Amino acid sequence: MGILGRLREDVATARSHDPAARNRLEIVLAYSGLHAIWSYRLAHRMWQVRALRLPARVLSQLTRFLTGIEIHPGATIGRRFFIDHGMGVVIGETAVVGDDVMLYHGVTLGGKAPRGAPRGAKRHPTLGDGVTVGAGAKVLGDIEIGAGSAIGANAVVTRGAPPHSLLVGIPAVAKPLSPATADAARGMHDWHVDFHI
């Protein structure tokens, strides 16, 4: 998919996830989550070139200043990623985020490494495809959250979970996720995104 196609897909993803979105122009101009994702994509490409790592970090910090969303350029983020409201979201350097993932404001995908871990070791979580993370949740350490899972608001997650789990509480406890709860967590009943809107 080309750059223009990816931009259209991002706008369509925002429109499909936010019932308050009135039109594409409003999304392009006023959605800080979308701005942060676009900036991350550029910074991530820069990060791949060793000589451009400092400018990539500076770009990510400028984006943090402008949007309130901090995404490390070393993180790996899939397609159709959406950040709703956005303020206070932090995504660490070794985080891996699958396709069709949605985060609400105040989410941290944070690092936790054992003492003596080598520099560059994976220390942030991996979110599978279709994971939804509620406002204020903290997902910490090199853990994996299975595809189609939902993490409740303000949960503190320090252990991995299998696909289709509901994680709630402090510390979070994983339970099987019912289809009705999954739909409610995602805020929609049809996860397909038509990016030719």
N, C-alpha and C. Protein backbone atom coordinates (compact mmCIF):
# COMPACT_ATOMS: atom_id res chain seq x y z
N MET A 1 0.85 -1.18 0.00
CA MET A 1 0.00 0.00 0.00
C MET A 1 0.89 1.23 0.00
N GLY A 2 0.55 2.19 -0.85
CA GLY A 2 1.31 3.42 -0.94
C GLY A 2 0.98 4.39 0.19
N ILE A 3 1.72 5.49 0.21
CA ILE A 3 1.54 6.48 1.27
C ILE A 3 0.13 7.06 1.26
N LEU A 4 -0.37 7.43 0.10
CA LEU A 4 -1.73 8.00 0.01
C LEU A 4 -2.78 7.00 0.48
N GLY A 5 -2.63 5.76 0.10
CA GLY A 5 -3.56 4.72 0.53
C GLY A 5 -3.54 4.53 2.04
N ARG A 6 -2.34 4.59 2.63
CA ARG A 6 -2.20 4.45 4.08
C ARG A 6 -2.84 5.63 4.80
N LEU A 7 -2.66 6.85 4.25
CA LEU A 7 -3.29 8.03 4.86
C LEU A 7 -4.81 7.91 4.82
N ARG A 8 -5.34 7.48 3.68
CA ARG A 8 -6.79 7.28 3.57
C ARG A 8 -7.29 6.23 4.56
N GLU A 9 -6.53 5.16 4.67
CA GLU A 9 -6.91 4.10 5.61
C GLU A 9 -6.93 4.62 7.04
N ASP A 10 -5.94 5.44 7.42
CA ASP A 10 -5.90 6.02 8.76
C ASP A 10 -7.11 6.90 9.03
N VAL A 11 -7.47 7.73 8.06
CA VAL A 11 -8.64 8.61 8.21
C VAL A 11 -9.91 7.77 8.33
N ALA A 12 -10.03 6.75 7.49
CA ALA A 12 -11.22 5.88 7.54
C ALA A 12 -11.29 5.13 8.87
N THR A 13 -10.15 4.74 9.40
CA THR A 13 -10.12 4.06 10.70
C THR A 13 -10.64 5.00 11.79
N ALA A 14 -10.16 6.23 11.79
CA ALA A 14 -10.64 7.21 12.78
C ALA A 14 -12.14 7.42 12.64
N ARG A 15 -12.59 7.53 11.42
CA ARG A 15 -14.02 7.77 11.18
C ARG A 15 -14.87 6.59 11.65
N SER A 16 -14.38 5.38 11.44
CA SER A 16 -15.16 4.20 11.83
C SER A 16 -15.18 3.99 13.34
N HIS A 17 -14.16 4.47 14.05
CA HIS A 17 -14.09 4.27 15.50
C HIS A 17 -14.73 5.39 16.31
N ASP A 18 -14.90 6.55 15.73
CA ASP A 18 -15.40 7.69 16.49
C ASP A 18 -16.73 8.18 15.93
N PRO A 19 -17.82 7.91 16.64
CA PRO A 19 -19.13 8.34 16.14
C PRO A 19 -19.28 9.86 16.10
N ALA A 20 -18.38 10.58 16.77
CA ALA A 20 -18.45 12.05 16.76
C ALA A 20 -17.79 12.64 15.52
N ALA A 21 -17.07 11.82 14.76
CA ALA A 21 -16.39 12.33 13.56
C ALA A 21 -17.41 12.69 12.50
N ARG A 22 -17.41 13.96 12.11
CA ARG A 22 -18.41 14.43 11.13
C ARG A 22 -17.96 14.27 9.69
N ASN A 23 -16.67 14.47 9.43
CA ASN A 23 -16.19 14.34 8.06
C ASN A 23 -14.68 14.18 8.04
N ARG A 24 -14.15 13.84 6.87
CA ARG A 24 -12.71 13.59 6.73
C ARG A 24 -11.86 14.82 7.02
N LEU A 25 -12.32 15.99 6.58
CA LEU A 25 -11.55 17.21 6.81
C LEU A 25 -11.37 17.47 8.31
N GLU A 26 -12.43 17.31 9.06
CA GLU A 26 -12.34 17.50 10.52
C GLU A 26 -11.33 16.51 11.12
N ILE A 27 -11.36 15.28 10.67
CA ILE A 27 -10.44 14.26 11.19
C ILE A 27 -9.00 14.65 10.87
N VAL A 28 -8.74 15.04 9.63
CA VAL A 28 -7.38 15.40 9.21
C VAL A 28 -6.87 16.61 9.99
N LEU A 29 -7.73 17.58 10.25
CA LEU A 29 -7.30 18.82 10.90
C LEU A 29 -7.31 18.76 12.43
N ALA A 30 -8.19 17.96 13.03
CA ALA A 30 -8.43 18.09 14.46
C ALA A 30 -8.19 16.85 15.31
N TYR A 31 -7.73 15.77 14.74
CA TYR A 31 -7.54 14.54 15.52
C TYR A 31 -6.08 14.35 15.91
N SER A 32 -5.75 14.68 17.15
CA SER A 32 -4.35 14.61 17.60
C SER A 32 -3.81 13.19 17.56
N GLY A 33 -4.65 12.19 17.79
CA GLY A 33 -4.19 10.81 17.69
C GLY A 33 -3.70 10.48 16.29
N LEU A 34 -4.43 10.98 15.30
CA LEU A 34 -4.04 10.76 13.91
C LEU A 34 -2.73 11.49 13.59
N HIS A 35 -2.61 12.73 14.08
CA HIS A 35 -1.37 13.49 13.87
C HIS A 35 -0.18 12.76 14.48
N ALA A 36 -0.37 12.20 15.69
CA ALA A 36 0.71 11.48 16.36
C ALA A 36 1.10 10.23 15.59
N ILE A 37 0.11 9.53 15.04
CA ILE A 37 0.39 8.32 14.27
C ILE A 37 1.17 8.67 13.00
N TRP A 38 0.74 9.72 12.31
CA TRP A 38 1.45 10.12 11.09
C TRP A 38 2.89 10.54 11.40
N SER A 39 3.07 11.29 12.46
CA SER A 39 4.42 11.70 12.85
C SER A 39 5.25 10.48 13.23
N TYR A 40 4.64 9.55 13.97
CA TYR A 40 5.35 8.32 14.34
C TYR A 40 5.83 7.59 13.10
N ARG A 41 4.99 7.48 12.09
CA ARG A 41 5.36 6.71 10.89
C ARG A 41 6.61 7.31 10.23
N LEU A 42 6.67 8.64 10.18
CA LEU A 42 7.86 9.29 9.61
C LEU A 42 9.07 9.05 10.53
N ALA A 43 8.88 9.27 11.83
CA ALA A 43 9.99 9.09 12.77
C ALA A 43 10.47 7.63 12.77
N HIS A 44 9.56 6.68 12.63
CA HIS A 44 9.94 5.27 12.61
C HIS A 44 10.82 4.95 11.39
N ARG A 45 10.45 5.53 10.25
CA ARG A 45 11.29 5.33 9.05
C ARG A 45 12.68 5.94 9.26
N MET A 46 12.72 7.11 9.88
CA MET A 46 14.00 7.74 10.17
C MET A 46 14.82 6.87 11.13
N TRP A 47 14.15 6.28 12.12
CA TRP A 47 14.80 5.46 13.14
C TRP A 47 15.54 4.28 12.52
N GLN A 48 15.06 3.80 11.38
CA GLN A 48 15.69 2.65 10.71
C GLN A 48 17.08 2.99 10.18
N VAL A 49 17.35 4.29 10.01
CA VAL A 49 18.66 4.75 9.53
C VAL A 49 19.44 5.26 10.75
N ARG A 50 20.48 4.55 11.11
CA ARG A 50 21.21 4.86 12.34
C ARG A 50 21.58 6.35 12.46
N ALA A 51 21.99 6.98 11.38
CA ALA A 51 22.40 8.39 11.41
C ALA A 51 21.23 9.33 11.66
N LEU A 52 19.99 8.84 11.50
CA LEU A 52 18.81 9.70 11.69
C LEU A 52 18.09 9.44 13.00
N ARG A 53 18.69 8.68 13.90
CA ARG A 53 18.01 8.36 15.16
C ARG A 53 17.79 9.58 16.04
N LEU A 54 18.75 10.47 16.12
CA LEU A 54 18.55 11.67 16.93
C LEU A 54 17.44 12.54 16.34
N PRO A 55 17.44 12.85 15.04
CA PRO A 55 16.31 13.62 14.50
C PRO A 55 14.96 12.90 14.68
N ALA A 56 14.96 11.58 14.63
CA ALA A 56 13.72 10.83 14.85
C ALA A 56 13.21 11.05 16.26
N ARG A 57 14.11 11.01 17.25
CA ARG A 57 13.72 11.25 18.64
C ARG A 57 13.24 12.68 18.84
N VAL A 58 13.93 13.63 18.20
CA VAL A 58 13.51 15.03 18.32
C VAL A 58 12.11 15.21 17.73
N LEU A 59 11.84 14.58 16.58
CA LEU A 59 10.51 14.65 15.98
C LEU A 59 9.46 14.05 16.92
N SER A 60 9.77 12.91 17.55
CA SER A 60 8.80 12.30 18.46
C SER A 60 8.54 13.19 19.67
N GLN A 61 9.55 13.90 20.15
CA GLN A 61 9.36 14.80 21.29
C GLN A 61 8.58 16.05 20.88
N LEU A 62 8.82 16.55 19.69
CA LEU A 62 8.04 17.68 19.18
C LEU A 62 6.57 17.28 19.06
N THR A 63 6.33 16.08 18.55
CA THR A 63 4.96 15.58 18.43
C THR A 63 4.32 15.44 19.80
N ARG A 64 5.08 14.98 20.77
CA ARG A 64 4.57 14.88 22.15
C ARG A 64 4.15 16.26 22.66
N PHE A 65 4.98 17.26 22.40
CA PHE A 65 4.67 18.63 22.82
C PHE A 65 3.37 19.12 22.17
N LEU A 66 3.18 18.80 20.89
CA LEU A 66 2.03 19.30 20.14
C LEU A 66 0.74 18.51 20.40
N THR A 67 0.87 17.19 20.66
CA THR A 67 -0.33 16.35 20.76
C THR A 67 -0.57 15.76 22.14
N GLY A 68 0.44 15.74 23.00
CA GLY A 68 0.30 15.07 24.29
C GLY A 68 0.43 13.56 24.19
N ILE A 69 0.89 13.08 23.04
CA ILE A 69 1.04 11.64 22.79
C ILE A 69 2.50 11.36 22.49
N GLU A 70 3.09 10.43 23.25
CA GLU A 70 4.50 10.11 23.05
C GLU A 70 4.63 8.69 22.51
N ILE A 71 5.11 8.57 21.28
CA ILE A 71 5.35 7.27 20.67
C ILE A 71 6.83 7.23 20.30
N HIS A 72 7.55 6.32 20.91
CA HIS A 72 8.98 6.19 20.60
C HIS A 72 9.12 5.72 19.15
N PRO A 73 10.04 6.31 18.37
CA PRO A 73 10.18 5.91 16.98
C PRO A 73 10.65 4.47 16.79
N GLY A 74 11.17 3.84 17.84
CA GLY A 74 11.59 2.45 17.74
C GLY A 74 10.46 1.46 17.90
N ALA A 75 9.30 1.91 18.36
CA ALA A 75 8.15 1.01 18.52
C ALA A 75 7.70 0.49 17.16
N THR A 76 7.03 -0.65 17.17
CA THR A 76 6.50 -1.24 15.94
C THR A 76 4.98 -1.23 16.03
N ILE A 77 4.32 -0.52 15.09
CA ILE A 77 2.87 -0.36 15.14
C ILE A 77 2.27 -0.79 13.81
N GLY A 78 1.21 -1.60 13.90
CA GLY A 78 0.55 -2.13 12.71
C GLY A 78 -0.42 -1.16 12.07
N ARG A 79 -1.19 -1.69 11.14
CA ARG A 79 -2.15 -0.89 10.37
C ARG A 79 -3.44 -0.67 11.16
N ARG A 80 -4.17 0.36 10.73
CA ARG A 80 -5.48 0.71 11.27
C ARG A 80 -5.43 0.89 12.79
N PHE A 81 -4.37 1.52 13.24
CA PHE A 81 -4.17 1.84 14.66
C PHE A 81 -4.90 3.13 14.96
N PHE A 82 -5.63 3.18 16.08
CA PHE A 82 -6.39 4.39 16.42
C PHE A 82 -6.19 4.74 17.88
N ILE A 83 -5.92 6.02 18.13
CA ILE A 83 -5.82 6.55 19.49
C ILE A 83 -6.98 7.52 19.67
N ASP A 84 -7.91 7.19 20.56
CA ASP A 84 -9.07 8.05 20.79
C ASP A 84 -8.77 9.03 21.91
N HIS A 85 -8.97 10.29 21.68
CA HIS A 85 -8.70 11.40 22.60
C HIS A 85 -7.21 11.63 22.77
N GLY A 86 -6.45 10.62 23.07
CA GLY A 86 -5.01 10.66 22.96
C GLY A 86 -4.20 11.20 24.11
N MET A 87 -4.59 12.27 24.73
CA MET A 87 -3.72 12.92 25.72
C MET A 87 -3.16 11.91 26.73
N GLY A 88 -1.86 11.97 26.93
CA GLY A 88 -1.22 11.14 27.94
C GLY A 88 -0.84 9.74 27.49
N VAL A 89 -1.02 9.40 26.24
CA VAL A 89 -0.62 8.08 25.75
C VAL A 89 0.90 8.02 25.62
N VAL A 90 1.49 6.91 26.11
CA VAL A 90 2.93 6.69 26.00
C VAL A 90 3.14 5.28 25.47
N ILE A 91 3.92 5.18 24.38
CA ILE A 91 4.26 3.89 23.79
C ILE A 91 5.78 3.79 23.73
N GLY A 92 6.34 2.81 24.44
CA GLY A 92 7.78 2.69 24.59
C GLY A 92 8.50 2.09 23.39
N GLU A 93 9.81 2.18 23.44
CA GLU A 93 10.70 1.85 22.32
C GLU A 93 10.54 0.43 21.79
N THR A 94 10.37 -0.56 22.64
CA THR A 94 10.33 -1.94 22.16
C THR A 94 8.90 -2.50 22.12
N ALA A 95 7.90 -1.62 22.25
CA ALA A 95 6.50 -2.07 22.16
C ALA A 95 6.20 -2.54 20.74
N VAL A 96 5.34 -3.55 20.65
CA VAL A 96 4.86 -4.05 19.37
C VAL A 96 3.34 -4.01 19.43
N VAL A 97 2.73 -3.32 18.47
CA VAL A 97 1.27 -3.15 18.44
C VAL A 97 0.77 -3.72 17.12
N GLY A 98 -0.16 -4.67 17.20
CA GLY A 98 -0.69 -5.33 16.02
C GLY A 98 -1.63 -4.45 15.21
N ASP A 99 -2.26 -5.03 14.22
CA ASP A 99 -3.25 -4.33 13.39
C ASP A 99 -4.56 -4.17 14.15
N ASP A 100 -5.32 -3.13 13.81
CA ASP A 100 -6.67 -2.91 14.34
C ASP A 100 -6.70 -2.73 15.85
N VAL A 101 -5.68 -2.14 16.40
CA VAL A 101 -5.60 -1.87 17.83
C VAL A 101 -6.13 -0.47 18.11
N MET A 102 -6.81 -0.33 19.25
CA MET A 102 -7.37 0.96 19.65
C MET A 102 -6.97 1.25 21.09
N LEU A 103 -6.41 2.45 21.32
CA LEU A 103 -6.05 2.91 22.65
C LEU A 103 -6.86 4.15 23.00
N TYR A 104 -7.26 4.24 24.24
CA TYR A 104 -7.91 5.46 24.75
C TYR A 104 -6.87 6.30 25.48
N HIS A 105 -7.28 7.48 25.92
CA HIS A 105 -6.35 8.42 26.54
C HIS A 105 -5.73 7.85 27.83
N GLY A 106 -4.52 8.31 28.10
CA GLY A 106 -3.83 7.94 29.32
C GLY A 106 -3.24 6.55 29.35
N VAL A 107 -3.20 5.85 28.24
CA VAL A 107 -2.65 4.50 28.20
C VAL A 107 -1.12 4.55 28.17
N THR A 108 -0.50 3.66 28.93
CA THR A 108 0.95 3.50 28.89
C THR A 108 1.29 2.08 28.48
N LEU A 109 2.08 1.95 27.44
CA LEU A 109 2.69 0.68 27.08
C LEU A 109 4.15 0.82 27.51
N GLY A 110 4.40 0.49 28.78
CA GLY A 110 5.65 0.85 29.42
C GLY A 110 6.63 -0.29 29.59
N GLY A 111 7.85 0.08 29.86
CA GLY A 111 8.93 -0.87 29.98
C GLY A 111 9.15 -1.34 31.40
N LYS A 112 9.59 -2.56 31.49
CA LYS A 112 10.00 -3.16 32.76
C LYS A 112 11.02 -4.22 32.41
N ALA A 113 12.26 -3.98 32.78
CA ALA A 113 13.32 -4.94 32.44
C ALA A 113 13.98 -5.43 33.72
N PRO A 114 14.35 -6.70 33.73
CA PRO A 114 15.08 -7.21 34.90
C PRO A 114 16.44 -6.56 35.02
N ARG A 115 16.95 -6.49 36.24
CA ARG A 115 18.29 -5.93 36.46
C ARG A 115 19.31 -6.67 35.62
N GLY A 116 20.18 -5.92 35.01
CA GLY A 116 21.24 -6.53 34.23
C GLY A 116 20.85 -6.87 32.81
N ALA A 117 19.61 -6.53 32.42
CA ALA A 117 19.19 -6.81 31.03
C ALA A 117 20.05 -5.98 30.09
N PRO A 118 20.46 -6.55 28.96
CA PRO A 118 21.31 -5.80 28.03
C PRO A 118 20.57 -4.63 27.40
N ARG A 119 21.32 -3.59 27.05
CA ARG A 119 20.75 -2.43 26.36
C ARG A 119 20.09 -2.89 25.08
N GLY A 120 18.88 -2.40 24.83
CA GLY A 120 18.15 -2.77 23.62
C GLY A 120 17.29 -4.01 23.77
N ALA A 121 17.33 -4.67 24.93
CA ALA A 121 16.49 -5.86 25.15
C ALA A 121 15.02 -5.46 25.13
N LYS A 122 14.17 -6.37 24.70
CA LYS A 122 12.72 -6.08 24.67
C LYS A 122 12.23 -5.94 26.11
N ARG A 123 11.58 -4.81 26.39
CA ARG A 123 11.12 -4.54 27.74
C ARG A 123 9.71 -3.96 27.78
N HIS A 124 9.08 -3.84 26.60
CA HIS A 124 7.73 -3.29 26.50
C HIS A 124 6.77 -4.37 25.98
N PRO A 125 5.46 -4.16 26.14
CA PRO A 125 4.49 -5.20 25.78
C PRO A 125 4.28 -5.35 24.27
N THR A 126 3.69 -6.50 23.94
CA THR A 126 3.23 -6.80 22.58
C THR A 126 1.72 -6.94 22.65
N LEU A 127 1.01 -6.15 21.84
CA LEU A 127 -0.45 -6.24 21.76
C LEU A 127 -0.80 -6.92 20.45
N GLY A 128 -1.57 -8.00 20.51
CA GLY A 128 -1.99 -8.70 19.31
C GLY A 128 -3.00 -7.90 18.51
N ASP A 129 -3.36 -8.41 17.35
CA ASP A 129 -4.34 -7.74 16.48
C ASP A 129 -5.68 -7.59 17.20
N GLY A 130 -6.32 -6.44 16.99
CA GLY A 130 -7.67 -6.22 17.50
C GLY A 130 -7.79 -6.00 18.99
N VAL A 131 -6.71 -5.64 19.66
CA VAL A 131 -6.75 -5.38 21.10
C VAL A 131 -7.27 -3.96 21.34
N THR A 132 -8.12 -3.80 22.37
CA THR A 132 -8.61 -2.50 22.80
C THR A 132 -8.12 -2.25 24.21
N VAL A 133 -7.55 -1.05 24.46
CA VAL A 133 -7.01 -0.72 25.78
C VAL A 133 -7.74 0.51 26.30
N GLY A 134 -8.42 0.36 27.45
CA GLY A 134 -9.23 1.41 28.04
C GLY A 134 -8.42 2.54 28.65
N ALA A 135 -9.08 3.65 28.89
CA ALA A 135 -8.45 4.87 29.40
C ALA A 135 -7.68 4.61 30.69
N GLY A 136 -6.48 5.14 30.73
CA GLY A 136 -5.67 5.07 31.94
C GLY A 136 -5.00 3.74 32.21
N ALA A 137 -5.18 2.76 31.36
CA ALA A 137 -4.58 1.45 31.61
C ALA A 137 -3.06 1.51 31.45
N LYS A 138 -2.39 0.71 32.23
CA LYS A 138 -0.93 0.59 32.17
C LYS A 138 -0.60 -0.86 31.85
N VAL A 139 0.11 -1.08 30.75
CA VAL A 139 0.52 -2.41 30.33
C VAL A 139 2.04 -2.39 30.38
N LEU A 140 2.62 -3.18 31.28
CA LEU A 140 4.03 -3.00 31.62
C LEU A 140 4.84 -4.27 31.43
N GLY A 141 5.99 -4.13 30.80
CA GLY A 141 6.94 -5.21 30.67
C GLY A 141 6.81 -5.96 29.36
N ASP A 142 7.73 -6.89 29.16
CA ASP A 142 7.77 -7.71 27.95
C ASP A 142 6.76 -8.84 28.09
N ILE A 143 5.48 -8.49 27.91
CA ILE A 143 4.38 -9.46 28.00
C ILE A 143 3.60 -9.42 26.70
N GLU A 144 2.81 -10.44 26.45
CA GLU A 144 2.01 -10.49 25.23
C GLU A 144 0.53 -10.57 25.59
N ILE A 145 -0.24 -9.67 24.99
CA ILE A 145 -1.70 -9.67 25.14
C ILE A 145 -2.25 -10.23 23.84
N GLY A 146 -2.98 -11.33 23.94
CA GLY A 146 -3.46 -12.04 22.76
C GLY A 146 -4.46 -11.25 21.94
N ALA A 147 -4.58 -11.62 20.68
CA ALA A 147 -5.47 -10.96 19.72
C ALA A 147 -6.90 -10.94 20.23
N GLY A 148 -7.60 -9.84 19.92
CA GLY A 148 -9.01 -9.72 20.25
C GLY A 148 -9.30 -9.49 21.72
N SER A 149 -8.30 -9.16 22.51
CA SER A 149 -8.49 -8.93 23.94
C SER A 149 -8.90 -7.49 24.22
N ALA A 150 -9.45 -7.27 25.41
CA ALA A 150 -9.81 -5.93 25.86
C ALA A 150 -9.25 -5.72 27.26
N ILE A 151 -8.64 -4.55 27.47
CA ILE A 151 -8.08 -4.19 28.76
C ILE A 151 -8.93 -3.05 29.31
N GLY A 152 -9.46 -3.24 30.51
CA GLY A 152 -10.36 -2.26 31.12
C GLY A 152 -9.65 -0.99 31.54
N ALA A 153 -10.43 0.07 31.71
CA ALA A 153 -9.90 1.36 32.13
C ALA A 153 -9.17 1.22 33.46
N ASN A 154 -8.03 1.88 33.55
CA ASN A 154 -7.19 1.95 34.75
C ASN A 154 -6.61 0.62 35.21
N ALA A 155 -6.72 -0.42 34.40
CA ALA A 155 -6.11 -1.70 34.76
C ALA A 155 -4.59 -1.56 34.75
N VAL A 156 -3.93 -2.34 35.59
CA VAL A 156 -2.48 -2.42 35.59
C VAL A 156 -2.13 -3.86 35.23
N VAL A 157 -1.60 -4.02 34.01
CA VAL A 157 -1.35 -5.34 33.45
C VAL A 157 0.15 -5.63 33.47
N THR A 158 0.54 -6.67 34.20
CA THR A 158 1.96 -7.05 34.28
C THR A 158 2.18 -8.51 33.87
N ARG A 159 1.11 -9.20 33.47
CA ARG A 159 1.21 -10.58 33.00
C ARG A 159 0.48 -10.71 31.67
N GLY A 160 0.99 -11.54 30.80
CA GLY A 160 0.37 -11.75 29.50
C GLY A 160 -0.98 -12.42 29.61
N ALA A 161 -1.70 -12.45 28.49
CA ALA A 161 -3.03 -13.05 28.47
C ALA A 161 -3.26 -13.71 27.11
N PRO A 162 -4.04 -14.79 27.09
CA PRO A 162 -4.33 -15.46 25.82
C PRO A 162 -5.29 -14.62 24.97
N PRO A 163 -5.46 -14.99 23.70
CA PRO A 163 -6.41 -14.27 22.85
C PRO A 163 -7.81 -14.24 23.46
N HIS A 164 -8.55 -13.19 23.13
CA HIS A 164 -9.95 -13.01 23.55
C HIS A 164 -10.11 -13.01 25.07
N SER A 165 -9.23 -12.25 25.72
CA SER A 165 -9.29 -12.09 27.17
C SER A 165 -9.81 -10.71 27.54
N LEU A 166 -10.42 -10.63 28.71
CA LEU A 166 -10.79 -9.35 29.32
C LEU A 166 -9.90 -9.20 30.53
N LEU A 167 -9.14 -8.09 30.58
CA LEU A 167 -8.21 -7.86 31.68
C LEU A 167 -8.68 -6.64 32.46
N VAL A 168 -9.00 -6.84 33.74
CA VAL A 168 -9.47 -5.74 34.58
C VAL A 168 -8.83 -5.86 35.96
N GLY A 169 -8.69 -4.70 36.63
CA GLY A 169 -8.22 -4.68 38.01
C GLY A 169 -6.78 -4.26 38.16
N ILE A 170 -6.40 -4.16 39.47
CA ILE A 170 -5.03 -3.80 39.84
C ILE A 170 -4.58 -4.80 40.90
N PRO A 171 -3.74 -5.74 40.58
CA PRO A 171 -3.24 -6.05 39.25
C PRO A 171 -4.33 -6.69 38.40
N ALA A 172 -4.21 -6.57 37.11
CA ALA A 172 -5.24 -7.08 36.21
C ALA A 172 -5.31 -8.60 36.24
N VAL A 173 -6.53 -9.08 36.16
CA VAL A 173 -6.81 -10.51 36.09
C VAL A 173 -7.46 -10.78 34.74
N ALA A 174 -7.01 -11.83 34.06
CA ALA A 174 -7.54 -12.17 32.74
C ALA A 174 -8.71 -13.14 32.88
N LYS A 175 -9.80 -12.82 32.15
CA LYS A 175 -10.97 -13.69 32.08
C LYS A 175 -11.35 -13.83 30.61
N PRO A 176 -12.09 -14.88 30.26
CA PRO A 176 -12.54 -15.00 28.86
C PRO A 176 -13.42 -13.82 28.47
N LEU A 177 -13.26 -13.34 27.27
CA LEU A 177 -14.01 -12.19 26.78
C LEU A 177 -15.22 -12.67 25.98
N SER A 178 -16.40 -12.27 26.40
CA SER A 178 -17.61 -12.65 25.67
C SER A 178 -17.74 -11.79 24.42
N PRO A 179 -18.40 -12.27 23.36
CA PRO A 179 -18.58 -11.46 22.14
C PRO A 179 -19.27 -10.12 22.41
N ALA A 180 -20.26 -10.09 23.29
CA ALA A 180 -20.96 -8.84 23.59
C ALA A 180 -20.02 -7.84 24.25
N THR A 181 -19.19 -8.31 25.16
CA THR A 181 -18.23 -7.42 25.82
C THR A 181 -17.19 -6.93 24.83
N ALA A 182 -16.78 -7.80 23.92
CA ALA A 182 -15.80 -7.41 22.90
C ALA A 182 -16.35 -6.29 22.04
N ASP A 183 -17.59 -6.40 21.59
CA ASP A 183 -18.21 -5.34 20.79
C ASP A 183 -18.29 -4.03 21.56
N ALA A 184 -18.69 -4.12 22.83
CA ALA A 184 -18.81 -2.91 23.64
C ALA A 184 -17.44 -2.25 23.84
N ALA A 185 -16.40 -3.07 24.05
CA ALA A 185 -15.06 -2.53 24.26
C ALA A 185 -14.56 -1.79 23.04
N ARG A 186 -14.88 -2.32 21.86
CA ARG A 186 -14.41 -1.69 20.64
C ARG A 186 -15.29 -0.51 20.24
N GLY A 187 -16.49 -0.43 20.79
CA GLY A 187 -17.37 0.68 20.47
C GLY A 187 -17.98 0.58 19.09
N MET A 188 -17.98 -0.63 18.54
CA MET A 188 -18.53 -0.81 17.21
C MET A 188 -18.89 -2.28 17.02
N HIS A 189 -19.73 -2.55 16.03
CA HIS A 189 -20.15 -3.93 15.79
C HIS A 189 -19.54 -4.51 14.53
N ASP A 190 -18.94 -3.68 13.71
CA ASP A 190 -18.33 -4.16 12.48
C ASP A 190 -16.90 -3.65 12.43
N TRP A 191 -15.94 -4.53 12.63
CA TRP A 191 -14.55 -4.15 12.75
C TRP A 191 -13.92 -3.84 11.40
N HIS A 192 -14.60 -4.19 10.30
CA HIS A 192 -14.05 -3.94 8.96
C HIS A 192 -13.99 -2.43 8.69
N VAL A 193 -12.90 -1.98 8.13
CA VAL A 193 -12.74 -0.58 7.78
C VAL A 193 -12.67 -0.46 6.27
N ASP A 194 -13.55 0.36 5.71
CA ASP A 194 -13.53 0.64 4.28
C ASP A 194 -12.80 1.94 4.08
N PHE A 195 -11.55 1.90 3.61
CA PHE A 195 -10.77 3.12 3.54
C PHE A 195 -11.01 3.90 2.25
N HIS A 196 -12.03 3.54 1.47
CA HIS A 196 -12.39 4.31 0.27
C HIS A 196 -13.60 5.19 0.53
N ILE A 197 -13.80 5.58 1.77
CA ILE A 197 -14.96 6.41 2.15
C ILE A 197 -14.88 7.77 1.50
